[in-house]
Amino acid sequence: YARAPDGALINDTGCGNTLEFAKPAVRRLMIDTLMHFVEHCGI
């Protein structure tokens, strides 16, 4: 989860938290999710 310099959770979504896409692991989670739905469901 993305955090501001003071440590507070960034809320760019209005939902209380924001996933940190500067982190490779977060991007990998998204990519693996999309690949799963394409390869195993034909999306």
PDB file of all heavy atoms in Angstrom:
ATOM      1  N   TYR A   1       0.837  -1.197   0.000  1.00  0.00           N
ATOM      2  CA  TYR A   1       0.000   0.000   0.000  1.00  0.00           C
ATOM      3  C   TYR A   1       0.870   1.244   0.000  1.00  0.00           C
ATOM      4  O   TYR A   1       1.878   1.335   0.715  1.00  0.00           O
ATOM      5  CB  TYR A   1      -0.917   0.007   1.224  1.00  0.00           C
ATOM      6  CG  TYR A   1      -1.909  -1.125   1.230  1.00  0.00           C
ATOM      7  CD1 TYR A   1      -1.849  -2.134   2.199  1.00  0.00           C
ATOM      8  CD2 TYR A   1      -2.899  -1.215   0.254  1.00  0.00           C
ATOM      9  CE1 TYR A   1      -2.758  -3.181   2.195  1.00  0.00           C
ATOM     10  CE2 TYR A   1      -3.811  -2.264   0.246  1.00  0.00           C
ATOM     11  CZ  TYR A   1      -3.735  -3.243   1.216  1.00  0.00           C
ATOM     12  OH  TYR A   1      -4.637  -4.271   1.194  1.00  0.00           O
ATOM     13  N   ALA A   2       0.485   2.228  -0.817  1.00  0.00           N
ATOM     14  CA  ALA A   2       1.257   3.461  -0.954  1.00  0.00           C
ATOM     15  C   ALA A   2       1.105   4.314   0.298  1.00  0.00           C
ATOM     16  O   ALA A   2       0.012   4.426   0.871  1.00  0.00           O
ATOM     17  CB  ALA A   2       0.785   4.246  -2.174  1.00  0.00           C
ATOM     18  N   ARG A   3       2.213   4.921   0.672  1.00  0.00           N
ATOM     19  CA  ARG A   3       2.214   5.767   1.862  1.00  0.00           C
ATOM     20  C   ARG A   3       2.901   7.091   1.548  1.00  0.00           C
ATOM     21  O   ARG A   3       3.830   7.161   0.746  1.00  0.00           O
ATOM     22  CB  ARG A   3       2.911   5.074   3.032  1.00  0.00           C
ATOM     23  CG  ARG A   3       2.273   3.754   3.408  1.00  0.00           C
ATOM     24  CD  ARG A   3       2.974   3.086   4.574  1.00  0.00           C
ATOM     25  NE  ARG A   3       2.630   3.706   5.843  1.00  0.00           N
ATOM     26  CZ  ARG A   3       1.575   3.370   6.586  1.00  0.00           C
ATOM     27  NH1 ARG A   3       0.750   2.417   6.170  1.00  0.00           N
ATOM     28  NH2 ARG A   3       1.345   3.965   7.731  1.00  0.00           N
ATOM     29  N   ALA A   4       2.437   8.138   2.206  1.00  0.00           N
ATOM     30  CA  ALA A   4       3.024   9.467   2.073  1.00  0.00           C
ATOM     31  C   ALA A   4       4.321   9.533   2.871  1.00  0.00           C
ATOM     32  O   ALA A   4       4.611   8.651   3.686  1.00  0.00           O
ATOM     33  CB  ALA A   4       2.028  10.512   2.572  1.00  0.00           C
ATOM     34  N   PRO A   5       5.135  10.584   2.648  1.00  0.00           N
ATOM     35  CA  PRO A   5       6.389  10.696   3.399  1.00  0.00           C
ATOM     36  C   PRO A   5       6.213  10.654   4.913  1.00  0.00           C
ATOM     37  O   PRO A   5       7.110  10.203   5.632  1.00  0.00           O
ATOM     38  CB  PRO A   5       6.943  12.052   2.936  1.00  0.00           C
ATOM     39  CG  PRO A   5       6.412  12.210   1.550  1.00  0.00           C
ATOM     40  CD  PRO A   5       5.040  11.618   1.593  1.00  0.00           C
ATOM     41  N   ASP A   6       5.064  11.107   5.413  1.00  0.00           N
ATOM     42  CA  ASP A   6       4.837  11.061   6.854  1.00  0.00           C
ATOM     43  C   ASP A   6       4.321   9.713   7.338  1.00  0.00           C
ATOM     44  O   ASP A   6       4.023   9.535   8.524  1.00  0.00           O
ATOM     45  CB  ASP A   6       3.864  12.168   7.283  1.00  0.00           C
ATOM     46  CG  ASP A   6       2.457  11.985   6.709  1.00  0.00           C
ATOM     47  OD1 ASP A   6       2.237  11.021   5.959  1.00  0.00           O
ATOM     48  OD2 ASP A   6       1.586  12.818   7.023  1.00  0.00           O
ATOM     49  N   GLY A   7       4.209   8.750   6.421  1.00  0.00           N
ATOM     50  CA  GLY A   7       3.775   7.416   6.785  1.00  0.00           C
ATOM     51  C   GLY A   7       2.290   7.160   6.636  1.00  0.00           C
ATOM     52  O   GLY A   7       1.840   6.017   6.756  1.00  0.00           O
ATOM     53  N   ALA A   8       1.505   8.195   6.382  1.00  0.00           N
ATOM     54  CA  ALA A   8       0.060   8.020   6.253  1.00  0.00           C
ATOM     55  C   ALA A   8      -0.276   7.285   4.959  1.00  0.00           C
ATOM     56  O   ALA A   8       0.400   7.451   3.936  1.00  0.00           O
ATOM     57  CB  ALA A   8      -0.640   9.376   6.282  1.00  0.00           C
ATOM     58  N   LEU A   9      -1.309   6.479   5.018  1.00  0.00           N
ATOM     59  CA  LEU A   9      -1.772   5.822   3.802  1.00  0.00           C
ATOM     60  C   LEU A   9      -2.238   6.849   2.787  1.00  0.00           C
ATOM     61  O   LEU A   9      -2.985   7.778   3.123  1.00  0.00           O
ATOM     62  CB  LEU A   9      -2.935   4.878   4.127  1.00  0.00           C
ATOM     63  CG  LEU A   9      -2.598   3.543   4.787  1.00  0.00           C
ATOM     64  CD1 LEU A   9      -3.875   2.873   5.278  1.00  0.00           C
ATOM     65  CD2 LEU A   9      -1.849   2.624   3.825  1.00  0.00           C
ATOM     66  N   ILE A  10      -1.785   6.708   1.557  1.00  0.00           N
ATOM     67  CA  ILE A  10      -2.271   7.563   0.472  1.00  0.00           C
ATOM     68  C   ILE A  10      -3.658   7.072   0.060  1.00  0.00           C
ATOM     69  O   ILE A  10      -3.894   5.873  -0.060  1.00  0.00           O
ATOM     70  CB  ILE A  10      -1.295   7.528  -0.722  1.00  0.00           C
ATOM     71  CG1 ILE A  10       0.014   8.227  -0.344  1.00  0.00           C
ATOM     72  CG2 ILE A  10      -1.901   8.175  -1.957  1.00  0.00           C
ATOM     73  CD1 ILE A  10       1.088   8.147  -1.416  1.00  0.00           C
ATOM     74  N   ASN A  11      -4.563   8.014  -0.151  1.00  0.00           N
ATOM     75  CA  ASN A  11      -5.937   7.658  -0.493  1.00  0.00           C
ATOM     76  C   ASN A  11      -6.325   8.337  -1.804  1.00  0.00           C
ATOM     77  O   ASN A  11      -7.150   9.251  -1.831  1.00  0.00           O
ATOM     78  CB  ASN A  11      -6.892   8.057   0.634  1.00  0.00           C
ATOM     79  CG  ASN A  11      -8.301   7.572   0.403  1.00  0.00           C
ATOM     80  OD1 ASN A  11      -8.540   6.688  -0.415  1.00  0.00           O
ATOM     81  ND2 ASN A  11      -9.257   8.150   1.118  1.00  0.00           N
ATOM     82  N   ASP A  12      -5.736   7.890  -2.898  1.00  0.00           N
ATOM     83  CA  ASP A  12      -6.068   8.431  -4.220  1.00  0.00           C
ATOM     84  C   ASP A  12      -7.341   7.800  -4.788  1.00  0.00           C
ATOM     85  O   ASP A  12      -7.734   8.109  -5.914  1.00  0.00           O
ATOM     86  CB  ASP A  12      -4.912   8.174  -5.204  1.00  0.00           C
ATOM     87  CG  ASP A  12      -3.703   9.041  -4.906  1.00  0.00           C
ATOM     88  OD1 ASP A  12      -3.869  10.099  -4.284  1.00  0.00           O
ATOM     89  OD2 ASP A  12      -2.589   8.643  -5.300  1.00  0.00           O
ATOM     90  N   THR A  13      -7.972   6.931  -4.007  1.00  0.00           N
ATOM     91  CA  THR A  13      -9.124   6.184  -4.489  1.00  0.00           C
ATOM     92  C   THR A  13     -10.423   6.561  -3.787  1.00  0.00           C
ATOM     93  O   THR A  13     -11.502   6.212  -4.268  1.00  0.00           O
ATOM     94  CB  THR A  13      -8.884   4.679  -4.287  1.00  0.00           C
ATOM     95  OG1 THR A  13      -8.813   4.417  -2.865  1.00  0.00           O
ATOM     96  CG2 THR A  13      -7.585   4.247  -4.948  1.00  0.00           C
ATOM     97  N   GLY A  14     -10.324   7.210  -2.635  1.00  0.00           N
ATOM     98  CA  GLY A  14     -11.507   7.483  -1.841  1.00  0.00           C
ATOM     99  C   GLY A  14     -11.975   6.282  -1.053  1.00  0.00           C
ATOM    100  O   GLY A  14     -13.047   6.304  -0.450  1.00  0.00           O
ATOM    101  N   CYS A  15     -11.171   5.220  -1.034  1.00  0.00           N
ATOM    102  CA  CYS A  15     -11.560   3.964  -0.376  1.00  0.00           C
ATOM    103  C   CYS A  15     -10.660   3.632   0.805  1.00  0.00           C
ATOM    104  O   CYS A  15     -10.755   2.535   1.359  1.00  0.00           O
ATOM    105  CB  CYS A  15     -11.532   2.823  -1.376  1.00  0.00           C
ATOM    106  SG  CYS A  15     -12.636   3.078  -2.793  1.00  0.00           S
ATOM    107  N   GLY A  16      -9.771   4.547   1.182  1.00  0.00           N
ATOM    108  CA  GLY A  16      -8.963   4.361   2.376  1.00  0.00           C
ATOM    109  C   GLY A  16      -7.536   3.950   2.128  1.00  0.00           C
ATOM    110  O   GLY A  16      -6.659   4.221   2.942  1.00  0.00           O
ATOM    111  N   ASN A  17      -7.248   3.276   1.026  1.00  0.00           N
ATOM    112  CA  ASN A  17      -5.872   2.904   0.713  1.00  0.00           C
ATOM    113  C   ASN A  17      -5.687   2.915  -0.795  1.00  0.00           C
ATOM    114  O   ASN A  17      -6.657   3.008  -1.564  1.00  0.00           O
ATOM    115  CB  ASN A  17      -5.504   1.541   1.315  1.00  0.00           C
ATOM    116  CG  ASN A  17      -6.333   0.389   0.752  1.00  0.00           C
ATOM    117  OD1 ASN A  17      -6.505   0.259  -0.464  1.00  0.00           O
ATOM    118  ND2 ASN A  17      -6.856  -0.471   1.626  1.00  0.00           N
ATOM    119  N   THR A  18      -4.441   2.810  -1.214  1.00  0.00           N
ATOM    120  CA  THR A  18      -4.086   2.807  -2.632  1.00  0.00           C
ATOM    121  C   THR A  18      -2.942   1.822  -2.828  1.00  0.00           C
ATOM    122  O   THR A  18      -1.936   1.879  -2.114  1.00  0.00           O
ATOM    123  CB  THR A  18      -3.635   4.203  -3.095  1.00  0.00           C
ATOM    124  OG1 THR A  18      -4.664   5.151  -2.834  1.00  0.00           O
ATOM    125  CG2 THR A  18      -3.293   4.211  -4.577  1.00  0.00           C
ATOM    126  N   LEU A  19      -3.085   0.912  -3.765  1.00  0.00           N
ATOM    127  CA  LEU A  19      -1.996  -0.022  -4.025  1.00  0.00           C
ATOM    128  C   LEU A  19      -0.815   0.709  -4.650  1.00  0.00           C
ATOM    129  O   LEU A  19      -0.986   1.622  -5.452  1.00  0.00           O
ATOM    130  CB  LEU A  19      -2.475  -1.156  -4.927  1.00  0.00           C
ATOM    131  CG  LEU A  19      -3.364  -2.191  -4.209  1.00  0.00           C
ATOM    132  CD1 LEU A  19      -4.026  -3.121  -5.202  1.00  0.00           C
ATOM    133  CD2 LEU A  19      -2.546  -2.992  -3.199  1.00  0.00           C
ATOM    134  N   GLU A  20       0.384   0.286  -4.286  1.00  0.00           N
ATOM    135  CA  GLU A  20       1.617   0.976  -4.663  1.00  0.00           C
ATOM    136  C   GLU A  20       2.215   0.343  -5.922  1.00  0.00           C
ATOM    137  O   GLU A  20       2.961  -0.643  -5.859  1.00  0.00           O
ATOM    138  CB  GLU A  20       2.618   0.909  -3.502  1.00  0.00           C
ATOM    139  CG  GLU A  20       3.969   1.526  -3.799  1.00  0.00           C
ATOM    140  CD  GLU A  20       3.883   2.971  -4.217  1.00  0.00           C
ATOM    141  OE1 GLU A  20       3.637   3.225  -5.437  1.00  0.00           O
ATOM    142  OE2 GLU A  20       4.049   3.842  -3.361  1.00  0.00           O
ATOM    143  N   PHE A  21       1.878   0.919  -7.073  1.00  0.00           N
ATOM    144  CA  PHE A  21       2.346   0.348  -8.332  1.00  0.00           C
ATOM    145  C   PHE A  21       3.780   0.704  -8.665  1.00  0.00           C
ATOM    146  O   PHE A  21       4.307   0.243  -9.681  1.00  0.00           O
ATOM    147  CB  PHE A  21       1.388   0.719  -9.467  1.00  0.00           C
ATOM    148  CG  PHE A  21       0.280  -0.273  -9.628  1.00  0.00           C
ATOM    149  CD1 PHE A  21      -0.832  -0.223  -8.799  1.00  0.00           C
ATOM    150  CD2 PHE A  21       0.373  -1.292 -10.558  1.00  0.00           C
ATOM    151  CE1 PHE A  21      -1.840  -1.159  -8.918  1.00  0.00           C
ATOM    152  CE2 PHE A  21      -0.627  -2.241 -10.678  1.00  0.00           C
ATOM    153  CZ  PHE A  21      -1.738  -2.174  -9.858  1.00  0.00           C
ATOM    154  N   ALA A  22       4.444   1.463  -7.808  1.00  0.00           N
ATOM    155  CA  ALA A  22       5.882   1.611  -7.952  1.00  0.00           C
ATOM    156  C   ALA A  22       6.611   0.350  -7.483  1.00  0.00           C
ATOM    157  O   ALA A  22       7.797   0.181  -7.777  1.00  0.00           O
ATOM    158  CB  ALA A  22       6.370   2.822  -7.151  1.00  0.00           C
ATOM    159  N   LYS A  23       5.898  -0.537  -6.791  1.00  0.00           N
ATOM    160  CA  LYS A  23       6.488  -1.780  -6.295  1.00  0.00           C
ATOM    161  C   LYS A  23       6.335  -2.881  -7.352  1.00  0.00           C
ATOM    162  O   LYS A  23       5.223  -3.200  -7.775  1.00  0.00           O
ATOM    163  CB  LYS A  23       5.790  -2.225  -5.015  1.00  0.00           C
ATOM    164  CG  LYS A  23       5.839  -1.219  -3.878  1.00  0.00           C
ATOM    165  CD  LYS A  23       7.177  -1.248  -3.179  1.00  0.00           C
ATOM    166  CE  LYS A  23       7.148  -0.372  -1.933  1.00  0.00           C
ATOM    167  NZ  LYS A  23       8.460  -0.374  -1.244  1.00  0.00           N
ATOM    168  N   PRO A  24       7.425  -3.496  -7.771  1.00  0.00           N
ATOM    169  CA  PRO A  24       7.320  -4.572  -8.767  1.00  0.00           C
ATOM    170  C   PRO A  24       6.394  -5.710  -8.340  1.00  0.00           C
ATOM    171  O   PRO A  24       5.712  -6.299  -9.184  1.00  0.00           O
ATOM    172  CB  PRO A  24       8.768  -5.059  -8.909  1.00  0.00           C
ATOM    173  CG  PRO A  24       9.598  -3.859  -8.549  1.00  0.00           C
ATOM    174  CD  PRO A  24       8.830  -3.174  -7.459  1.00  0.00           C
ATOM    175  N   ALA A  25       6.343  -6.019  -7.043  1.00  0.00           N
ATOM    176  CA  ALA A  25       5.497  -7.130  -6.590  1.00  0.00           C
ATOM    177  C   ALA A  25       4.015  -6.831  -6.800  1.00  0.00           C
ATOM    178  O   ALA A  25       3.225  -7.739  -7.080  1.00  0.00           O
ATOM    179  CB  ALA A  25       5.773  -7.435  -5.120  1.00  0.00           C
ATOM    180  N   VAL A  26       3.634  -5.570  -6.665  1.00  0.00           N
ATOM    181  CA  VAL A  26       2.233  -5.191  -6.898  1.00  0.00           C
ATOM    182  C   VAL A  26       1.911  -5.318  -8.388  1.00  0.00           C
ATOM    183  O   VAL A  26       0.855  -5.833  -8.767  1.00  0.00           O
ATOM    184  CB  VAL A  26       1.968  -3.768  -6.375  1.00  0.00           C
ATOM    185  CG1 VAL A  26       0.572  -3.295  -6.779  1.00  0.00           C
ATOM    186  CG2 VAL A  26       2.127  -3.726  -4.858  1.00  0.00           C
ATOM    187  N   ARG A  27       2.810  -4.840  -9.227  1.00  0.00           N
ATOM    188  CA  ARG A  27       2.579  -4.961 -10.673  1.00  0.00           C
ATOM    189  C   ARG A  27       2.525  -6.432 -11.081  1.00  0.00           C
ATOM    190  O   ARG A  27       1.727  -6.828 -11.932  1.00  0.00           O
ATOM    191  CB  ARG A  27       3.670  -4.228 -11.450  1.00  0.00           C
ATOM    192  CG  ARG A  27       3.752  -2.731 -11.140  1.00  0.00           C
ATOM    193  CD  ARG A  27       4.521  -1.976 -12.199  1.00  0.00           C
ATOM    194  NE  ARG A  27       5.889  -2.418 -12.385  1.00  0.00           N
ATOM    195  CZ  ARG A  27       6.946  -1.984 -11.692  1.00  0.00           C
ATOM    196  NH1 ARG A  27       6.777  -1.073 -10.715  1.00  0.00           N
ATOM    197  NH2 ARG A  27       8.161  -2.424 -11.953  1.00  0.00           N
ATOM    198  N   ARG A  28       3.379  -7.264 -10.442  1.00  0.00           N
ATOM    199  CA  ARG A  28       3.369  -8.688 -10.786  1.00  0.00           C
ATOM    200  C   ARG A  28       2.055  -9.345 -10.402  1.00  0.00           C
ATOM    201  O   ARG A  28       1.540 -10.216 -11.124  1.00  0.00           O
ATOM    202  CB  ARG A  28       4.534  -9.379 -10.075  1.00  0.00           C
ATOM    203  CG  ARG A  28       4.843 -10.766 -10.601  1.00  0.00           C
ATOM    204  CD  ARG A  28       5.394 -10.708 -12.014  1.00  0.00           C
ATOM    205  NE  ARG A  28       4.547 -11.424 -12.961  1.00  0.00           N
ATOM    206  CZ  ARG A  28       4.740 -11.418 -14.269  1.00  0.00           C
ATOM    207  NH1 ARG A  28       5.723 -10.719 -14.805  1.00  0.00           N
ATOM    208  NH2 ARG A  28       3.941 -12.090 -15.064  1.00  0.00           N
ATOM    209  N   LEU A  29       1.490  -8.946  -9.253  1.00  0.00           N
ATOM    210  CA  LEU A  29       0.205  -9.485  -8.836  1.00  0.00           C
ATOM    211  C   LEU A  29      -0.869  -9.159  -9.864  1.00  0.00           C
ATOM    212  O   LEU A  29      -1.681 -10.018 -10.228  1.00  0.00           O
ATOM    213  CB  LEU A  29      -0.183  -8.915  -7.470  1.00  0.00           C
ATOM    214  CG  LEU A  29      -1.589  -9.260  -6.963  1.00  0.00           C
ATOM    215  CD1 LEU A  29      -1.762 -10.765  -6.817  1.00  0.00           C
ATOM    216  CD2 LEU A  29      -1.856  -8.538  -5.635  1.00  0.00           C
ATOM    217  N   MET A  30      -0.863  -7.947 -10.385  1.00  0.00           N
ATOM    218  CA  MET A  30      -1.835  -7.568 -11.400  1.00  0.00           C
ATOM    219  C   MET A  30      -1.624  -8.369 -12.681  1.00  0.00           C
ATOM    220  O   MET A  30      -2.574  -8.927 -13.253  1.00  0.00           O
ATOM    221  CB  MET A  30      -1.740  -6.075 -11.697  1.00  0.00           C
ATOM    222  CG  MET A  30      -2.603  -5.624 -12.867  1.00  0.00           C
ATOM    223  SD  MET A  30      -2.474  -3.845 -13.146  1.00  0.00           S
ATOM    224  CE  MET A  30      -3.070  -3.739 -14.848  1.00  0.00           C
ATOM    225  N   ILE A  31      -0.395  -8.449 -13.133  1.00  0.00           N
ATOM    226  CA  ILE A  31      -0.110  -9.146 -14.394  1.00  0.00           C
ATOM    227  C   ILE A  31      -0.449 -10.627 -14.278  1.00  0.00           C
ATOM    228  O   ILE A  31      -1.062 -11.217 -15.182  1.00  0.00           O
ATOM    229  CB  ILE A  31       1.361  -8.934 -14.787  1.00  0.00           C
ATOM    230  CG1 ILE A  31       1.596  -7.466 -15.187  1.00  0.00           C
ATOM    231  CG2 ILE A  31       1.766  -9.864 -15.929  1.00  0.00           C
ATOM    232  CD1 ILE A  31       3.052  -7.092 -15.323  1.00  0.00           C
ATOM    233  N   ASP A  32      -0.080 -11.244 -13.163  1.00  0.00           N
ATOM    234  CA  ASP A  32      -0.398 -12.662 -12.979  1.00  0.00           C
ATOM    235  C   ASP A  32      -1.900 -12.892 -12.924  1.00  0.00           C
ATOM    236  O   ASP A  32      -2.401 -13.922 -13.406  1.00  0.00           O
ATOM    237  CB  ASP A  32       0.267 -13.187 -11.705  1.00  0.00           C
ATOM    238  CG  ASP A  32       1.777 -13.341 -11.847  1.00  0.00           C
ATOM    239  OD1 ASP A  32       2.261 -13.396 -12.991  1.00  0.00           O
ATOM    240  OD2 ASP A  32       2.466 -13.403 -10.814  1.00  0.00           O
ATOM    241  N   THR A  33      -2.635 -11.940 -12.348  1.00  0.00           N
ATOM    242  CA  THR A  33      -4.095 -12.047 -12.310  1.00  0.00           C
ATOM    243  C   THR A  33      -4.667 -12.031 -13.724  1.00  0.00           C
ATOM    244  O   THR A  33      -5.504 -12.871 -14.090  1.00  0.00           O
ATOM    245  CB  THR A  33      -4.694 -10.897 -11.484  1.00  0.00           C
ATOM    246  OG1 THR A  33      -4.202 -10.959 -10.140  1.00  0.00           O
ATOM    247  CG2 THR A  33      -6.204 -10.964 -11.476  1.00  0.00           C
ATOM    248  N   LEU A  34      -4.226 -11.085 -14.532  1.00  0.00           N
ATOM    249  CA  LEU A  34      -4.717 -10.996 -15.905  1.00  0.00           C
ATOM    250  C   LEU A  34      -4.354 -12.248 -16.696  1.00  0.00           C
ATOM    251  O   LEU A  34      -5.183 -12.787 -17.458  1.00  0.00           O
ATOM    252  CB  LEU A  34      -4.140  -9.762 -16.597  1.00  0.00           C
ATOM    253  CG  LEU A  34      -4.379  -8.392 -15.945  1.00  0.00           C
ATOM    254  CD1 LEU A  34      -3.883  -7.290 -16.871  1.00  0.00           C
ATOM    255  CD2 LEU A  34      -5.830  -8.184 -15.589  1.00  0.00           C
ATOM    256  N   MET A  35      -3.134 -12.725 -16.528  1.00  0.00           N
ATOM    257  CA  MET A  35      -2.715 -13.925 -17.251  1.00  0.00           C
ATOM    258  C   MET A  35      -3.553 -15.130 -16.853  1.00  0.00           C
ATOM    259  O   MET A  35      -3.918 -15.952 -17.699  1.00  0.00           O
ATOM    260  CB  MET A  35      -1.225 -14.183 -17.006  1.00  0.00           C
ATOM    261  CG  MET A  35      -0.317 -13.141 -17.637  1.00  0.00           C
ATOM    262  SD  MET A  35       1.439 -13.388 -17.230  1.00  0.00           S
ATOM    263  CE  MET A  35       1.750 -14.967 -18.011  1.00  0.00           C
ATOM    264  N   HIS A  36      -3.864 -15.246 -15.575  1.00  0.00           N
ATOM    265  CA  HIS A  36      -4.717 -16.350 -15.119  1.00  0.00           C
ATOM    266  C   HIS A  36      -6.070 -16.316 -15.822  1.00  0.00           C
ATOM    267  O   HIS A  36      -6.543 -17.343 -16.329  1.00  0.00           O
ATOM    268  CB  HIS A  36      -4.903 -16.264 -13.604  1.00  0.00           C
ATOM    269  CG  HIS A  36      -6.078 -17.034 -13.093  1.00  0.00           C
ATOM    270  ND1 HIS A  36      -6.173 -18.410 -13.192  1.00  0.00           N
ATOM    271  CD2 HIS A  36      -7.232 -16.611 -12.491  1.00  0.00           C
ATOM    272  CE1 HIS A  36      -7.330 -18.810 -12.671  1.00  0.00           C
ATOM    273  NE2 HIS A  36      -7.992 -17.739 -12.243  1.00  0.00           N
ATOM    274  N   PHE A  37      -6.698 -15.151 -15.883  1.00  0.00           N
ATOM    275  CA  PHE A  37      -8.027 -15.073 -16.476  1.00  0.00           C
ATOM    276  C   PHE A  37      -8.008 -15.285 -17.992  1.00  0.00           C
ATOM    277  O   PHE A  37      -8.973 -15.800 -18.561  1.00  0.00           O
ATOM    278  CB  PHE A  37      -8.688 -13.737 -16.126  1.00  0.00           C
ATOM    279  CG  PHE A  37      -9.212 -13.681 -14.715  1.00  0.00           C
ATOM    280  CD1 PHE A  37      -8.805 -12.687 -13.842  1.00  0.00           C
ATOM    281  CD2 PHE A  37     -10.118 -14.624 -14.274  1.00  0.00           C
ATOM    282  CE1 PHE A  37      -9.290 -12.638 -12.546  1.00  0.00           C
ATOM    283  CE2 PHE A  37     -10.614 -14.582 -12.971  1.00  0.00           C
ATOM    284  CZ  PHE A  37     -10.192 -13.594 -12.104  1.00  0.00           C
ATOM    285  N   VAL A  38      -6.917 -14.924 -18.634  1.00  0.00           N
ATOM    286  CA  VAL A  38      -6.807 -15.175 -20.077  1.00  0.00           C
ATOM    287  C   VAL A  38      -6.515 -16.642 -20.342  1.00  0.00           C
ATOM    288  O   VAL A  38      -7.185 -17.304 -21.154  1.00  0.00           O
ATOM    289  CB  VAL A  38      -5.725 -14.278 -20.706  1.00  0.00           C
ATOM    290  CG1 VAL A  38      -5.468 -14.682 -22.158  1.00  0.00           C
ATOM    291  CG2 VAL A  38      -6.133 -12.816 -20.637  1.00  0.00           C
ATOM    292  N   GLU A  39      -5.519 -17.189 -19.656  1.00  0.00           N
ATOM    293  CA  GLU A  39      -5.056 -18.535 -19.967  1.00  0.00           C
ATOM    294  C   GLU A  39      -6.014 -19.624 -19.484  1.00  0.00           C
ATOM    295  O   GLU A  39      -6.124 -20.679 -20.116  1.00  0.00           O
ATOM    296  CB  GLU A  39      -3.669 -18.752 -19.356  1.00  0.00           C
ATOM    297  CG  GLU A  39      -2.603 -17.865 -19.986  1.00  0.00           C
ATOM    298  CD  GLU A  39      -1.216 -18.138 -19.438  1.00  0.00           C
ATOM    299  OE1 GLU A  39      -1.113 -18.726 -18.343  1.00  0.00           O
ATOM    300  OE2 GLU A  39      -0.243 -17.754 -20.099  1.00  0.00           O
ATOM    301  N   HIS A  40      -6.698 -19.384 -18.381  1.00  0.00           N
ATOM    302  CA  HIS A  40      -7.533 -20.441 -17.799  1.00  0.00           C
ATOM    303  C   HIS A  40      -9.031 -20.215 -17.991  1.00  0.00           C
ATOM    304  O   HIS A  40      -9.817 -21.125 -17.716  1.00  0.00           O
ATOM    305  CB  HIS A  40      -7.228 -20.578 -16.306  1.00  0.00           C
ATOM    306  CG  HIS A  40      -5.813 -20.945 -16.029  1.00  0.00           C
ATOM    307  ND1 HIS A  40      -5.063 -20.393 -15.010  1.00  0.00           N
ATOM    308  CD2 HIS A  40      -4.964 -21.804 -16.675  1.00  0.00           C
ATOM    309  CE1 HIS A  40      -3.846 -20.900 -15.024  1.00  0.00           C
ATOM    310  NE2 HIS A  40      -3.761 -21.762 -16.027  1.00  0.00           N
ATOM    311  N   CYS A  41      -9.404 -19.002 -18.448  1.00  0.00           N
ATOM    312  CA  CYS A  41     -10.832 -18.717 -18.640  1.00  0.00           C
ATOM    313  C   CYS A  41     -11.142 -18.170 -20.025  1.00  0.00           C
ATOM    314  O   CYS A  41     -12.316 -18.085 -20.396  1.00  0.00           O
ATOM    315  CB  CYS A  41     -11.313 -17.721 -17.580  1.00  0.00           C
ATOM    316  SG  CYS A  41     -11.048 -18.277 -15.886  1.00  0.00           S
ATOM    317  N   GLY A  42     -10.136 -17.741 -20.784  1.00  0.00           N
ATOM    318  CA  GLY A  42     -10.351 -17.254 -22.143  1.00  0.00           C
ATOM    319  C   GLY A  42     -10.855 -15.821 -22.221  1.00  0.00           C
ATOM    320  O   GLY A  42     -11.453 -15.430 -23.234  1.00  0.00           O
ATOM    321  N   ILE A  43     -10.594 -15.024 -21.194  1.00  0.00           N
ATOM    322  CA  ILE A  43     -11.098 -13.646 -21.156  1.00  0.00           C
ATOM    323  C   ILE A  43     -10.480 -12.823 -22.294  1.00  0.00           C
ATOM    324  O   ILE A  43      -9.293 -12.930 -22.608  1.00  0.00           O
ATOM    325  CB  ILE A  43     -10.793 -13.013 -19.786  1.00  0.00           C
ATOM    326  CG1 ILE A  43     -11.570 -13.746 -18.688  1.00  0.00           C
ATOM    327  CG2 ILE A  43     -11.116 -11.530 -19.781  1.00  0.00           C
ATOM    328  CD1 ILE A  43     -13.070 -13.718 -18.847  1.00  0.00           C
TER     329      ILE A  43
END
